[in-house]
Amino acid sequence: MDQKDAELLLKISHADSLQELVDLGFQLLGNPIFIDDMYRNVLAYSQDVTIDDPLWQENIVENIHDESTGSQMASKQMYKKSLETQRPVLLTDLPTVQRYAMTLTNYGVPIGNVTIAAHIHHFVPGDELLFELFCNYAAELLGNSHFSFRRSQPIVVNTLIRLLDGDHLTRIAVESKLNFYKKNTLSKSFLLLISDKTGDALSCPRQPVIETLSMIPGTIAFTYQSYIVCIYSGNGTQLQNAQTQLLDILNRYDLFAGISNHFRDIMQLPHYYIQAQSALKLSKLNENCRTYPYNDIAIFDLFDTLASQTNLLKFCEEKLMDLLAYDKAHGDNLLKTLQVYLETCLQYEKTARQLFVHKNTVRYRIAKCQKFLNTDFTDGKKNFQYTLSLKILEYYHYIE
């Protein structure tokens, strides 16, 4: 082993992702590599290379896993032999193809395979050892990765994880794997991101939660990053029943969920993941509410983007800023009352119920606001300006 190989192996030992690992392996061994799970779902592969190995064509290019083909049958035998010997296996029964394969294990349980084809260079003495060392690092990284190795829906879960990772998957490749999604293409789908009260992570055991969520019809759940991701689909009564069951599960495990807007295009999953994540991070989580729709905080997400460029307070109505100063001095809670009053379309009773005060208290406060702002709140454009200004003040925590 020369110094260059040693340096690449050191980088491989510190790789953060399977794709980085495969890219470094390509540099080390000089031939294209791919890693798949035990269900032939490709998780990472050497990109920007064209290769005539039929196994590569079927798995990477055509995304077909027909076990009756010669190359698939040969690879199956290679993986089986590798699992028995715990060593790389060299393909010998197809004279036009030279290929090494090794099955990866985690605590003795097979979790995936690594395959390398001698497309660019013939294998030379020493390659088998380097390949085995590479596979050992691959097994460790794969075992600690976020990919699923459970027998329940691993192809679906790992495809969704690759989508969230930003892998460049074709629509045909994705939809061919997602049978659950095909059945719900006419349904509304939502993405839930589930965390504990911190909004950032999940401290309780995840598997019981995932298994319980997965029992809901039209639902799939899995771990991604520090969250549980739950995608559920349905229409009408089915959707309502799913929402009721989800709420029960969140209460049972003392969890909270950010909910994306509904979608029908699974290829946009990363976008809706970010929505659900924003819903968790920008909401004030409390035990009285378990679910936080993105729609409710979308404007704060917009403010988050704009606040890095300018101070949004300069867009507030000037008189409202004066009313804020008055509120701080006298503690009358006028701004919050006005905000709820405008959001409830000028309804005194609804405002009183939301603020847990008497209706006459609301009337008194709104009368003071009318006098201070010199308006009777019948001008729709002006009311919009007030509503936007109040949202900005809420964003900066001037209104609780």
Protein backbone atom coordinates (compact mmCIF):
# COMPACT_ATOMS: atom_id res chain seq x y z
CA MET A 1 0.00 0.00 0.00
CA ASP A 2 1.55 3.32 -1.03
CA GLN A 3 1.19 6.68 0.71
CA LYS A 4 -1.61 7.85 -1.59
CA ASP A 5 -3.70 4.75 -0.79
CA ALA A 6 -3.07 5.25 2.93
CA GLU A 7 -4.19 8.89 2.71
CA LEU A 8 -7.38 7.91 0.84
CA LEU A 9 -8.16 5.18 3.37
CA LEU A 10 -7.78 7.74 6.14
CA LYS A 11 -10.28 10.01 4.37
CA ILE A 12 -12.60 7.05 3.83
CA SER A 13 -12.50 6.29 7.56
CA HIS A 14 -13.80 9.81 8.25
CA ALA A 15 -16.43 9.97 5.47
CA ASP A 16 -19.72 11.51 6.60
CA SER A 17 -22.01 9.96 3.99
CA LEU A 18 -22.25 6.89 1.79
CA GLN A 19 -21.90 9.03 -1.33
CA GLU A 20 -18.68 10.62 -0.04
CA LEU A 21 -17.45 7.13 0.83
CA VAL A 22 -18.19 5.84 -2.69
CA ASP A 23 -16.53 8.87 -4.31
CA LEU A 24 -13.38 8.29 -2.28
CA GLY A 25 -13.53 4.55 -3.01
CA PHE A 26 -13.58 5.34 -6.72
CA GLN A 27 -10.35 7.31 -6.27
CA LEU A 28 -8.80 4.52 -4.22
CA LEU A 29 -9.68 1.57 -6.46
CA GLY A 30 -10.03 3.27 -9.84
CA ASN A 31 -13.29 1.50 -10.71
CA PRO A 32 -16.98 2.37 -10.22
CA ILE A 33 -18.71 1.18 -7.04
CA PHE A 34 -22.27 0.99 -5.80
CA ILE A 35 -23.79 0.22 -2.41
CA ASP A 36 -27.29 -1.18 -2.04
CA ASP A 37 -29.40 -2.48 0.83
CA MET A 38 -30.50 -6.09 1.15
CA TYR A 39 -33.55 -5.32 -1.00
CA ARG A 40 -31.44 -4.14 -3.96
CA ASN A 41 -32.30 -0.49 -3.36
CA VAL A 42 -29.19 1.45 -4.47
CA LEU A 43 -28.10 3.89 -1.75
CA ALA A 44 -24.95 5.38 -3.33
CA TYR A 45 -22.98 4.88 -6.52
CA SER A 46 -20.11 6.31 -8.57
CA GLN A 47 -21.65 9.01 -10.69
CA ASP A 48 -20.73 10.57 -14.04
CA VAL A 49 -19.48 7.25 -15.38
CA THR A 50 -20.90 5.04 -18.14
CA ILE A 51 -20.36 1.32 -17.65
CA ASP A 52 -21.41 -1.70 -19.73
CA ASP A 53 -21.57 -4.14 -16.82
CA PRO A 54 -25.15 -5.53 -17.12
CA LEU A 55 -25.59 -5.48 -13.33
CA TRP A 56 -24.77 -1.78 -13.31
CA GLN A 57 -27.17 -1.13 -16.18
CA GLU A 58 -30.01 -2.96 -14.44
CA ASN A 59 -29.48 -1.46 -10.97
CA ILE A 60 -28.28 2.06 -11.70
CA VAL A 61 -29.44 3.01 -15.20
CA GLU A 62 -32.68 1.08 -15.70
CA ASN A 63 -33.56 0.65 -12.02
CA ILE A 64 -34.82 -2.89 -12.73
CA HIS A 65 -34.25 -5.71 -10.25
CA ASP A 66 -35.29 -8.78 -12.19
CA GLU A 67 -33.65 -11.69 -10.38
CA SER A 68 -34.09 -13.93 -13.43
CA THR A 69 -31.38 -12.11 -15.42
CA GLY A 70 -27.95 -13.70 -15.61
CA SER A 71 -26.19 -10.78 -13.95
CA GLN A 72 -28.69 -10.60 -11.08
CA MET A 73 -28.48 -14.34 -10.48
CA ALA A 74 -24.67 -14.18 -10.53
CA SER A 75 -24.64 -11.26 -8.10
CA LYS A 76 -27.06 -13.06 -5.78
CA GLN A 77 -24.69 -16.00 -5.60
CA MET A 78 -21.77 -13.64 -4.98
CA TYR A 79 -23.57 -11.95 -2.09
CA LYS A 80 -24.57 -15.32 -0.63
CA LYS A 81 -21.00 -16.63 -0.79
CA SER A 82 -19.63 -13.38 0.64
CA LEU A 83 -22.04 -13.59 3.57
CA GLU A 84 -20.86 -17.14 4.28
CA THR A 85 -17.15 -16.32 4.08
CA GLN A 86 -17.28 -12.71 5.35
CA ARG A 87 -14.87 -11.90 2.52
CA PRO A 88 -15.08 -10.25 -0.91
CA VAL A 89 -16.05 -12.61 -3.74
CA LEU A 90 -14.73 -12.34 -7.31
CA LEU A 91 -17.16 -13.11 -10.12
CA THR A 92 -15.79 -15.92 -12.27
CA ASP A 93 -18.74 -17.31 -14.25
CA LEU A 94 -19.17 -14.42 -16.74
CA PRO A 95 -15.97 -14.07 -18.77
CA THR A 96 -16.83 -10.61 -20.12
CA VAL A 97 -17.34 -9.13 -16.64
CA GLN A 98 -14.90 -8.81 -13.79
CA ARG A 99 -16.57 -7.84 -10.54
CA TYR A 100 -15.96 -7.98 -6.78
CA ALA A 101 -18.82 -8.00 -4.28
CA MET A 102 -19.07 -8.12 -0.52
CA THR A 103 -22.05 -8.31 1.79
CA LEU A 104 -21.95 -5.87 4.70
CA THR A 105 -23.07 -6.91 8.16
CA ASN A 106 -23.90 -5.11 11.39
CA TYR A 107 -23.57 -7.27 14.53
CA GLY A 108 -23.82 -10.31 12.27
CA VAL A 109 -26.97 -9.11 10.49
CA PRO A 110 -26.66 -8.45 6.73
CA ILE A 111 -27.52 -4.83 5.95
CA GLY A 112 -26.23 -4.22 2.43
CA ASN A 113 -23.84 -5.03 -0.37
CA VAL A 114 -20.90 -3.33 -2.07
CA THR A 115 -20.15 -4.10 -5.71
CA ILE A 116 -17.22 -2.88 -7.80
CA ALA A 117 -16.81 -3.54 -11.52
CA ALA A 118 -13.44 -3.66 -13.32
CA HIS A 119 -14.67 -1.33 -16.02
CA ILE A 120 -11.74 1.10 -16.15
CA HIS A 121 -8.86 -1.09 -14.90
CA HIS A 122 -8.43 -4.82 -14.49
CA PHE A 123 -8.05 -5.89 -10.91
CA VAL A 124 -4.46 -6.28 -9.76
CA PRO A 125 -2.88 -7.95 -6.70
CA GLY A 126 -3.71 -5.88 -3.65
CA ASP A 127 -7.09 -4.68 -4.92
CA GLU A 128 -8.96 -7.36 -2.98
CA LEU A 129 -7.39 -6.22 0.29
CA LEU A 130 -8.12 -2.54 -0.44
CA PHE A 131 -11.68 -3.43 -1.40
CA GLU A 132 -12.15 -5.38 1.84
CA LEU A 133 -10.82 -2.47 3.90
CA PHE A 134 -13.16 -0.14 2.03
CA CYS A 135 -16.09 -2.50 2.74
CA ASN A 136 -15.28 -2.58 6.44
CA TYR A 137 -15.58 1.20 6.61
CA ALA A 138 -18.72 1.02 4.47
CA ALA A 139 -20.31 -1.47 6.89
CA GLU A 140 -19.60 0.79 9.85
CA LEU A 141 -20.97 3.88 8.11
CA LEU A 142 -24.02 2.08 6.73
CA GLY A 143 -24.77 0.55 10.13
CA ASN A 144 -24.71 4.01 11.71
CA SER A 145 -26.54 5.71 8.86
CA HIS A 146 -30.16 6.81 8.77
CA PHE A 147 -31.14 4.18 6.20
CA SER A 148 -33.66 1.55 7.21
CA PHE A 149 -32.83 -2.16 7.49
CA ARG A 150 -36.18 -3.28 8.87
CA ARG A 151 -38.16 -5.85 6.90
CA SER A 152 -41.16 -3.51 6.77
CA GLN A 153 -41.07 -1.22 3.71
CA PRO A 154 -37.27 -0.70 3.52
CA ILE A 155 -37.37 0.06 -0.20
CA VAL A 156 -39.96 2.79 0.34
CA VAL A 157 -38.20 4.25 3.39
CA ASN A 158 -34.73 4.29 1.85
CA THR A 159 -36.06 5.88 -1.34
CA LEU A 160 -37.72 8.63 0.71
CA ILE A 161 -34.50 9.13 2.67
CA ARG A 162 -32.54 9.49 -0.56
CA LEU A 163 -35.05 12.08 -1.74
CA LEU A 164 -34.61 14.03 1.50
CA ASP A 165 -30.83 13.74 1.15
CA GLY A 166 -31.10 15.53 -2.19
CA ASP A 167 -30.00 12.60 -4.35
CA HIS A 168 -30.75 13.11 -8.03
CA LEU A 169 -33.43 10.47 -8.56
CA THR A 170 -35.68 10.31 -11.59
CA ARG A 171 -39.43 10.39 -11.14
CA ILE A 172 -39.72 6.92 -12.72
CA ALA A 173 -37.12 5.51 -10.32
CA VAL A 174 -38.90 7.01 -7.31
CA GLU A 175 -42.47 6.12 -8.21
CA SER A 176 -41.51 2.56 -9.13
CA LYS A 177 -40.45 2.08 -5.49
CA LEU A 178 -43.27 3.89 -3.75
CA ASN A 179 -46.22 1.55 -4.02
CA PHE A 180 -47.86 3.24 -1.03
CA TYR A 181 -47.69 6.54 -2.89
CA LYS A 182 -49.13 5.15 -6.13
CA LYS A 183 -52.20 4.06 -4.21
CA ASN A 184 -52.70 7.58 -2.92
CA THR A 185 -51.88 9.70 -5.97
CA LEU A 186 -55.36 11.24 -5.91
CA SER A 187 -55.17 11.90 -2.17
CA LYS A 188 -53.84 14.77 -0.16
CA SER A 189 -50.52 13.96 1.46
CA PHE A 190 -48.97 15.68 4.46
CA LEU A 191 -45.53 15.44 6.00
CA LEU A 192 -45.26 15.51 9.79
CA LEU A 193 -41.98 16.12 11.56
CA ILE A 194 -42.21 14.82 15.11
CA SER A 195 -40.05 15.94 18.03
CA ASP A 196 -40.23 16.34 21.78
CA LYS A 197 -40.88 19.69 23.46
CA THR A 198 -37.44 21.04 22.50
CA GLY A 199 -38.52 21.14 18.85
CA ASP A 200 -35.07 19.98 17.75
CA ALA A 201 -34.74 16.30 18.57
CA LEU A 202 -36.37 13.21 19.99
CA SER A 203 -35.19 11.88 23.33
CA CYS A 204 -37.68 9.01 23.75
CA PRO A 205 -37.26 5.58 22.06
CA ARG A 206 -38.30 6.03 18.44
CA GLN A 207 -39.14 2.51 17.33
CA PRO A 208 -42.38 2.14 19.38
CA VAL A 209 -43.58 5.47 18.01
CA ILE A 210 -42.71 4.50 14.42
CA GLU A 211 -44.44 1.14 14.71
CA THR A 212 -47.57 2.74 16.18
CA LEU A 213 -47.68 5.42 13.48
CA SER A 214 -47.18 2.83 10.73
CA MET A 215 -50.37 1.06 11.80
CA ILE A 216 -52.47 4.00 10.58
CA PRO A 217 -53.79 3.29 7.04
CA GLY A 218 -52.06 5.36 4.35
CA THR A 219 -49.18 6.24 6.67
CA ILE A 220 -45.44 5.57 6.60
CA ALA A 221 -43.03 6.60 9.36
CA PHE A 222 -39.25 6.49 9.70
CA THR A 223 -36.32 8.19 11.39
CA TYR A 224 -34.49 10.97 9.59
CA GLN A 225 -31.82 13.18 11.16
CA SER A 226 -33.03 13.72 14.74
CA TYR A 227 -36.75 13.50 13.95
CA ILE A 228 -39.44 11.00 13.15
CA VAL A 229 -40.85 11.70 9.70
CA CYS A 230 -44.45 10.65 9.13
CA ILE A 231 -46.16 10.89 5.74
CA TYR A 232 -49.88 10.25 5.64
CA SER A 233 -52.33 10.41 2.77
CA GLY A 234 -56.05 10.23 2.34
CA ASN A 235 -59.27 12.00 1.51
CA GLY A 236 -62.36 12.92 3.49
CA THR A 237 -63.18 10.58 6.36
CA GLN A 238 -59.96 8.59 5.93
CA LEU A 239 -57.90 11.74 6.37
CA GLN A 240 -59.92 12.84 9.41
CA ASN A 241 -59.51 9.41 11.03
CA ALA A 242 -55.74 9.51 10.41
CA GLN A 243 -55.51 12.97 11.99
CA THR A 244 -57.43 11.78 15.06
CA GLN A 245 -55.16 8.75 15.48
CA LEU A 246 -52.04 10.86 15.00
CA LEU A 247 -53.17 13.26 17.72
CA ASP A 248 -53.78 10.36 20.11
CA ILE A 249 -50.25 9.05 19.48
CA LEU A 250 -48.67 12.46 20.02
CA ASN A 251 -50.51 12.81 23.34
CA ARG A 252 -49.59 9.28 24.40
CA TYR A 253 -45.85 9.82 23.87
CA ASP A 254 -45.82 13.54 24.82
CA LEU A 255 -44.62 14.60 21.37
CA PHE A 256 -45.21 17.51 19.00
CA ALA A 257 -45.50 17.68 15.23
CA GLY A 258 -44.86 20.31 12.61
CA ILE A 259 -47.15 19.75 9.61
CA SER A 260 -46.38 20.73 6.03
CA ASN A 261 -48.93 22.02 3.55
CA HIS A 262 -50.61 19.22 1.62
CA PHE A 263 -48.95 17.98 -1.56
CA ARG A 264 -49.41 15.48 -4.38
CA ASP A 265 -45.93 15.54 -5.94
CA ILE A 266 -43.61 13.25 -3.97
CA MET A 267 -40.57 14.68 -5.78
CA GLN A 268 -41.07 17.90 -3.80
CA LEU A 269 -40.67 16.07 -0.49
CA PRO A 270 -37.55 18.02 0.64
CA HIS A 271 -39.49 21.29 0.30
CA TYR A 272 -42.29 20.02 2.54
CA TYR A 273 -39.79 18.62 5.03
CA ILE A 274 -38.39 22.15 5.43
CA GLN A 275 -41.94 23.48 5.90
CA ALA A 276 -42.62 21.02 8.72
CA GLN A 277 -39.24 21.78 10.29
CA SER A 278 -39.99 25.52 10.18
CA ALA A 279 -43.40 24.91 11.76
CA LEU A 280 -41.67 23.25 14.73
CA LYS A 281 -38.90 25.80 15.12
CA LEU A 282 -41.03 28.93 14.77
CA SER A 283 -43.94 27.81 16.95
CA LYS A 284 -44.19 28.06 20.72
CA LEU A 285 -44.62 24.41 21.70
CA ASN A 286 -46.90 23.74 24.67
CA GLU A 287 -48.89 20.79 25.99
CA ASN A 288 -52.20 22.39 25.02
CA CYS A 289 -51.41 21.99 21.33
CA ARG A 290 -49.68 19.00 19.74
CA THR A 291 -49.76 19.92 16.04
CA TYR A 292 -48.40 23.01 14.35
CA PRO A 293 -49.39 23.53 10.68
CA TYR A 294 -46.95 25.41 8.49
CA ASN A 295 -49.80 27.62 7.27
CA ASP A 296 -50.05 29.14 10.73
CA ILE A 297 -46.42 30.30 10.78
CA ALA A 298 -45.75 30.83 7.06
CA ILE A 299 -45.57 34.57 7.52
CA PHE A 300 -42.93 34.15 10.28
CA ASP A 301 -40.94 31.98 7.88
CA LEU A 302 -41.06 34.88 5.42
CA PHE A 303 -39.98 37.27 8.17
CA ASP A 304 -37.09 34.96 9.02
CA THR A 305 -35.83 35.32 5.45
CA LEU A 306 -36.28 39.09 5.33
CA ALA A 307 -34.98 39.83 8.83
CA SER A 308 -31.44 38.91 7.80
CA GLN A 309 -31.56 41.77 5.29
CA THR A 310 -33.38 44.52 7.16
CA ASN A 311 -35.05 45.51 10.41
CA LEU A 312 -38.72 44.72 9.85
CA LEU A 313 -39.86 47.10 12.60
CA LYS A 314 -39.39 50.01 10.21
CA PHE A 315 -42.37 48.67 8.22
CA CYS A 316 -44.72 48.84 11.23
CA GLU A 317 -47.47 51.44 11.45
CA GLU A 318 -46.01 54.35 13.40
CA LYS A 319 -49.08 54.77 15.61
CA LEU A 320 -48.90 51.11 16.57
CA MET A 321 -45.34 51.66 17.78
CA ASP A 322 -46.70 54.49 19.94
CA LEU A 323 -49.44 52.15 21.17
CA LEU A 324 -46.74 49.59 22.03
CA ALA A 325 -44.99 52.16 24.22
CA TYR A 326 -48.32 53.03 25.88
CA ASP A 327 -49.05 49.33 26.47
CA LYS A 328 -45.67 48.81 28.13
CA ALA A 329 -46.22 51.79 30.42
CA HIS A 330 -49.78 50.90 31.46
CA GLY A 331 -50.00 47.12 31.02
CA ASP A 332 -53.40 47.26 29.31
CA ASN A 333 -52.69 44.45 26.80
CA LEU A 334 -54.20 46.57 24.03
CA LEU A 335 -51.99 45.27 21.20
CA LYS A 336 -52.79 41.59 21.78
CA THR A 337 -56.49 42.37 22.08
CA LEU A 338 -56.38 44.34 18.83
CA GLN A 339 -54.51 41.54 17.05
CA VAL A 340 -57.08 38.90 18.03
CA TYR A 341 -59.95 41.30 17.27
CA LEU A 342 -58.68 41.81 13.71
CA GLU A 343 -57.96 38.08 13.22
CA THR A 344 -61.51 37.18 14.30
CA CYS A 345 -63.01 39.67 11.80
CA LEU A 346 -63.98 42.22 14.48
CA GLN A 347 -65.91 39.72 16.61
CA TYR A 348 -66.05 40.78 20.28
CA GLU A 349 -67.29 37.42 21.59
CA LYS A 350 -64.68 35.35 19.71
CA THR A 351 -61.95 37.71 20.87
CA ALA A 352 -63.11 37.43 24.47
CA ARG A 353 -63.12 33.61 24.30
CA GLN A 354 -59.61 33.45 22.87
CA LEU A 355 -58.25 35.85 25.49
CA PHE A 356 -60.26 34.36 28.38
CA VAL A 357 -61.71 37.73 29.33
CA HIS A 358 -65.20 39.23 29.50
CA LYS A 359 -66.72 40.63 26.33
CA ASN A 360 -67.05 44.07 27.93
CA THR A 361 -63.30 44.06 28.66
CA VAL A 362 -62.69 43.55 24.93
CA ARG A 363 -65.10 46.39 24.08
CA TYR A 364 -63.28 48.69 26.50
CA ARG A 365 -59.85 47.87 25.09
CA ILE A 366 -60.91 48.18 21.45
CA ALA A 367 -62.53 51.53 22.20
CA LYS A 368 -59.18 52.73 23.59
CA CYS A 369 -57.42 51.43 20.45
CA GLN A 370 -59.93 53.25 18.22
CA LYS A 371 -59.32 56.49 20.06
CA PHE A 372 -55.54 56.08 20.07
CA LEU A 373 -55.34 55.16 16.37
CA ASN A 374 -58.19 57.45 15.27
CA THR A 375 -60.00 54.70 13.34
CA ASP A 376 -63.13 52.56 13.62
CA PHE A 377 -61.50 49.56 11.85
CA THR A 378 -63.85 49.61 8.86
CA ASP A 379 -61.09 50.31 6.31
CA GLY A 380 -59.96 46.90 4.98
CA LYS A 381 -56.60 48.15 3.62
CA LYS A 382 -55.79 49.88 6.88
CA ASN A 383 -56.74 46.79 8.84
CA PHE A 384 -54.34 44.73 6.71
CA GLN A 385 -51.54 47.18 7.52
CA TYR A 386 -52.36 46.91 11.22
CA THR A 387 -52.48 43.09 11.02
CA LEU A 388 -49.11 42.91 9.25
CA SER A 389 -47.55 45.32 11.74
CA LEU A 390 -48.89 43.29 14.66
CA LYS A 391 -47.42 40.11 13.15
CA ILE A 392 -44.04 41.83 12.88
CA LEU A 393 -44.28 42.85 16.55
CA GLU A 394 -45.18 39.26 17.44
CA TYR A 395 -42.20 38.02 15.45
CA TYR A 396 -39.92 40.25 17.55
CA HIS A 397 -41.69 39.04 20.72
CA TYR A 398 -43.25 42.37 21.56
CA ILE A 399 -46.59 40.56 21.58
CA GLU A 400 -46.88 37.20 23.34
